[in-house]
Protein backbone atom coordinates (compact mmCIF):
# COMPACT_ATOMS: atom_id res chain seq x y z
CA MET A 1 78.40 -11.24 130.70
CA SER A 2 80.28 -14.82 131.42
CA ALA A 3 83.52 -16.22 131.13
CA LEU A 4 82.72 -17.69 127.42
CA GLU A 5 81.08 -14.78 125.97
CA THR A 6 84.49 -13.10 126.70
CA ILE A 7 86.55 -15.77 125.61
CA ALA A 8 84.40 -16.18 122.71
CA VAL A 9 84.28 -12.22 122.20
CA ALA A 10 88.31 -11.74 122.01
CA THR A 11 88.56 -14.83 119.49
CA SER A 12 85.70 -13.59 116.90
CA PHE A 13 87.29 -9.97 117.10
CA LEU A 14 91.15 -11.40 116.56
CA ALA A 15 90.17 -13.62 113.67
CA ILE A 16 87.98 -10.81 112.18
CA TRP A 17 91.32 -8.59 112.42
CA LEU A 18 93.23 -11.21 110.44
CA THR A 19 90.60 -11.30 107.91
CA ALA A 20 90.76 -7.79 106.98
CA ARG A 21 94.39 -8.35 106.96
CA ARG A 22 94.15 -11.15 104.23
CA ASN A 23 95.94 -13.39 106.75
CA MET A 24 95.50 -16.89 107.06
CA LEU A 25 95.54 -17.41 110.57
CA CYS A 26 92.00 -16.19 110.42
CA TRP A 27 90.51 -19.10 109.59
CA PRO A 28 91.60 -21.58 112.33
CA LEU A 29 90.78 -18.87 114.93
CA ASN A 30 87.31 -18.29 113.19
CA LEU A 31 86.92 -22.32 113.86
CA VAL A 32 87.85 -21.59 117.09
CA ALA A 33 84.95 -18.97 117.20
CA CYS A 34 82.18 -20.44 115.59
CA ALA A 35 82.31 -23.47 118.22
CA LEU A 36 82.52 -20.99 121.78
CA TYR A 37 79.29 -19.51 119.94
CA PHE A 38 77.42 -22.14 119.50
CA LYS A 39 77.41 -22.98 122.81
CA LEU A 40 76.62 -19.52 123.55
CA PHE A 41 73.85 -19.43 121.55
CA LEU A 42 72.67 -22.66 122.38
CA ASP A 43 72.43 -20.94 125.51
CA VAL A 44 70.51 -18.34 125.12
CA ARG A 45 67.97 -19.84 122.71
CA LEU A 46 68.67 -18.12 119.32
CA TYR A 47 68.52 -21.49 117.60
CA ALA A 48 69.40 -20.14 113.65
CA ASP A 49 72.11 -17.90 114.80
CA MET A 50 73.49 -21.73 117.02
CA VAL A 51 72.89 -23.72 113.44
CA LEU A 52 74.78 -20.51 111.56
CA GLN A 53 77.83 -21.49 113.24
CA ALA A 54 77.74 -25.17 112.30
CA VAL A 55 77.51 -23.89 108.75
CA PHE A 56 80.08 -20.98 109.12
CA GLY A 57 82.27 -24.18 110.19
CA ILE A 58 81.46 -25.65 106.24
CA GLY A 59 82.44 -22.39 104.59
CA ILE A 60 85.17 -21.43 107.01
CA LEU A 61 87.21 -24.85 105.60
CA TYR A 62 85.88 -23.87 102.43
CA GLY A 63 87.53 -20.22 102.41
CA TRP A 64 90.49 -21.81 103.84
CA ILE A 65 91.32 -23.92 100.68
CA ALA A 66 89.99 -21.17 98.59
CA TRP A 67 92.35 -18.78 100.02
CA SER A 68 95.68 -21.53 99.81
CA ARG A 69 94.80 -21.17 96.74
CA ASN A 70 95.50 -17.77 95.86
CA ARG A 71 97.91 -16.30 97.92
CA HIS A 72 100.45 -15.62 95.31
CA GLY A 73 98.34 -13.83 92.71
CA PRO A 74 98.87 -10.82 91.06
CA GLY A 75 96.46 -8.81 93.37
CA ALA A 76 98.16 -9.94 97.16
CA VAL A 77 100.34 -7.13 99.02
CA GLU A 78 102.43 -9.93 100.62
CA ALA A 79 104.55 -7.14 102.10
CA ALA A 80 101.59 -5.14 104.30
CA VAL A 81 100.36 -8.70 105.85
CA GLY A 82 102.87 -11.76 104.93
CA ALA A 83 100.32 -14.22 103.31
CA ALA A 84 97.85 -11.71 101.56
CA VAL A 85 95.17 -12.70 98.94
CA GLU A 86 94.06 -11.51 95.96
CA VAL A 87 90.94 -9.99 95.71
CA MET A 88 88.24 -10.37 93.11
CA PRO A 89 85.57 -8.42 91.64
CA LEU A 90 81.82 -9.24 92.09
CA SER A 91 79.44 -8.96 89.53
CA LEU A 92 76.16 -6.96 89.72
CA ALA A 93 74.71 -10.29 88.41
CA ARG A 94 76.48 -12.03 91.44
CA ALA A 95 75.61 -9.38 93.62
CA LEU A 96 72.53 -9.87 92.53
CA ALA A 97 71.59 -13.05 93.11
CA GLY A 98 73.56 -13.75 96.42
CA LEU A 99 70.72 -11.24 97.83
CA VAL A 100 68.45 -13.08 96.53
CA VAL A 101 69.57 -16.49 97.87
CA GLY A 102 69.55 -14.35 101.11
CA ALA A 103 66.23 -13.50 101.42
CA CYS A 104 64.67 -16.82 100.51
CA GLY A 105 66.95 -18.58 103.32
CA ALA A 106 65.67 -15.65 105.60
CA LEU A 107 62.23 -16.61 104.86
CA ALA A 108 62.30 -20.79 105.30
CA ILE A 109 64.82 -20.57 108.37
CA GLY A 110 62.03 -17.55 109.91
CA TRP A 111 59.13 -19.80 109.28
CA PHE A 112 60.66 -23.19 110.40
CA THR A 113 61.85 -21.74 114.12
CA SER A 114 58.77 -19.31 114.14
CA ARG A 115 56.97 -22.26 114.27
CA HIS A 116 58.42 -25.52 115.73
CA THR A 117 60.92 -24.12 117.76
CA ASP A 118 61.16 -21.64 121.00
CA ALA A 119 63.54 -19.15 119.67
CA THR A 120 63.61 -15.86 120.51
CA LEU A 121 63.16 -13.01 118.00
CA PRO A 122 63.40 -15.51 115.15
CA TRP A 123 62.68 -13.55 111.90
CA MET A 124 65.73 -11.31 112.86
CA ASP A 125 67.58 -14.19 113.79
CA ALA A 126 66.85 -16.09 110.16
CA THR A 127 67.55 -13.39 108.39
CA LEU A 128 71.02 -12.45 109.37
CA SER A 129 71.53 -15.62 110.17
CA SER A 130 71.38 -16.36 106.35
CA PHE A 131 72.46 -13.20 105.03
CA SER A 132 75.62 -13.79 106.92
CA LEU A 133 75.61 -17.26 105.51
CA VAL A 134 75.95 -14.75 102.15
CA ALA A 135 78.69 -12.38 103.28
CA GLN A 136 80.78 -15.35 104.47
CA TYR A 137 80.91 -17.06 101.32
CA TRP A 138 81.74 -13.53 99.38
CA THR A 139 84.43 -13.43 101.93
CA ALA A 140 85.38 -17.27 101.21
CA ARG A 141 85.28 -16.39 97.57
CA ARG A 142 87.27 -12.68 98.06
CA HIS A 143 85.01 -10.13 96.79
CA ARG A 144 85.82 -6.75 98.61
CA GLU A 145 81.48 -6.34 98.74
CA ASN A 146 81.22 -8.63 101.55
CA TRP A 147 82.37 -6.20 104.07
CA LEU A 148 79.65 -4.26 102.76
CA LEU A 149 76.76 -6.82 103.87
CA TRP A 150 78.87 -7.60 107.07
CA ILE A 151 78.40 -3.66 107.73
CA ALA A 152 74.94 -4.11 107.14
CA VAL A 153 74.64 -7.01 109.18
CA ASP A 154 76.60 -6.06 112.46
CA ILE A 155 74.49 -2.82 112.86
CA ALA A 156 71.64 -5.30 112.70
CA TYR A 157 73.19 -7.41 115.04
CA VAL A 158 74.00 -5.18 117.57
CA GLY A 159 70.48 -4.03 118.35
CA MET A 160 69.20 -7.83 118.83
CA PHE A 161 72.54 -8.80 121.00
CA LEU A 162 71.02 -5.61 123.12
CA PHE A 163 67.71 -7.10 123.28
CA LYS A 164 69.13 -10.30 124.41
CA GLY A 165 71.55 -8.76 127.20
CA LEU A 166 74.50 -10.21 125.60
CA LEU A 167 76.67 -6.67 125.81
CA LEU A 168 79.95 -7.84 125.71
CA THR A 169 78.52 -9.88 122.42
CA ALA A 170 76.85 -6.58 121.33
CA GLY A 171 80.40 -4.30 121.99
CA LEU A 172 82.24 -7.01 119.73
CA TYR A 173 79.95 -6.77 116.87
CA ALA A 174 79.71 -2.92 117.11
CA ALA A 175 84.08 -2.57 117.12
CA MET A 176 83.22 -5.31 114.01
CA ILE A 177 81.42 -2.60 111.99
CA GLY A 178 85.01 -0.85 112.68
CA LEU A 179 86.99 -3.25 111.32
CA ALA A 180 84.85 -3.87 108.29
CA VAL A 181 85.14 -0.51 107.53
CA ILE A 182 89.30 -0.83 107.41
CA GLY A 183 88.59 -4.44 105.79
CA TYR A 184 86.85 -2.58 102.39
CA ARG A 185 88.88 -0.10 102.75
CA ASP A 186 92.17 -2.10 102.32
CA TRP A 187 90.68 -4.30 100.55
CA ARG A 188 89.43 -2.09 98.01
CA ARG A 189 93.20 -1.05 97.67
CA THR A 190 94.38 -3.91 96.33
CA ARG A 191 94.31 -4.36 92.46
CA ARG A 192 92.29 -6.55 90.42
CA PRO A 193 93.97 -9.45 88.44
CA GLY A 194 93.82 -8.11 85.00
CA SER A 195 94.12 -4.16 85.71
CA PRO A 196 96.51 -1.82 84.31
CA GLY A 197 99.99 -2.99 85.94
CA ASP A 198 99.10 -6.65 86.32
CA HIS A 199 101.20 -9.17 83.73
CA ALA A 200 99.76 -12.50 84.73
CA THR A 201 96.14 -14.12 85.13
CA THR A 202 94.80 -16.41 87.39
CA LYS A 203 91.99 -18.70 87.40
CA ASP A 204 89.22 -18.04 90.12
């Protein structure tokens, strides 16, 4: 347990909590957390997760912009969280497409890291990294189902980090499972655009 891991855990926890609350401050904090975990994963040779943090940085910028454009839609619960954004539905076709992309990414990343690097747990690392990107994209698109995918991914991450001796990070991901449950519950309570009671529509 290092000072770097401690700071990364605290920053990540706050960022995920703010994401669950649909608060715009989650994005800058997530950027800081990505930078911290990039260095941490480099130190412990989890290369897929290290690269994932860099890709997350791009995704975070995308999500920041996407949320900024949808802060005042008809589905926002602004009285509760101030800068909340509307939640958008995820079709079955798009959900399946996302999972297929995640599986293909896992195979590609796992093949590369297992053959060309000294990564530990290359296939598990690759699988979790790939599906984390899918979950991150769903978060940016404001689909409540992102939390269900995060729950599955975080459960597996807890086991991997325990194996790697990153006990504090394992604890963070265990707590993130609880935050994901809260996030899904809260996002599920919001109205979808076009639902009964809405009198305007917005473009996604």
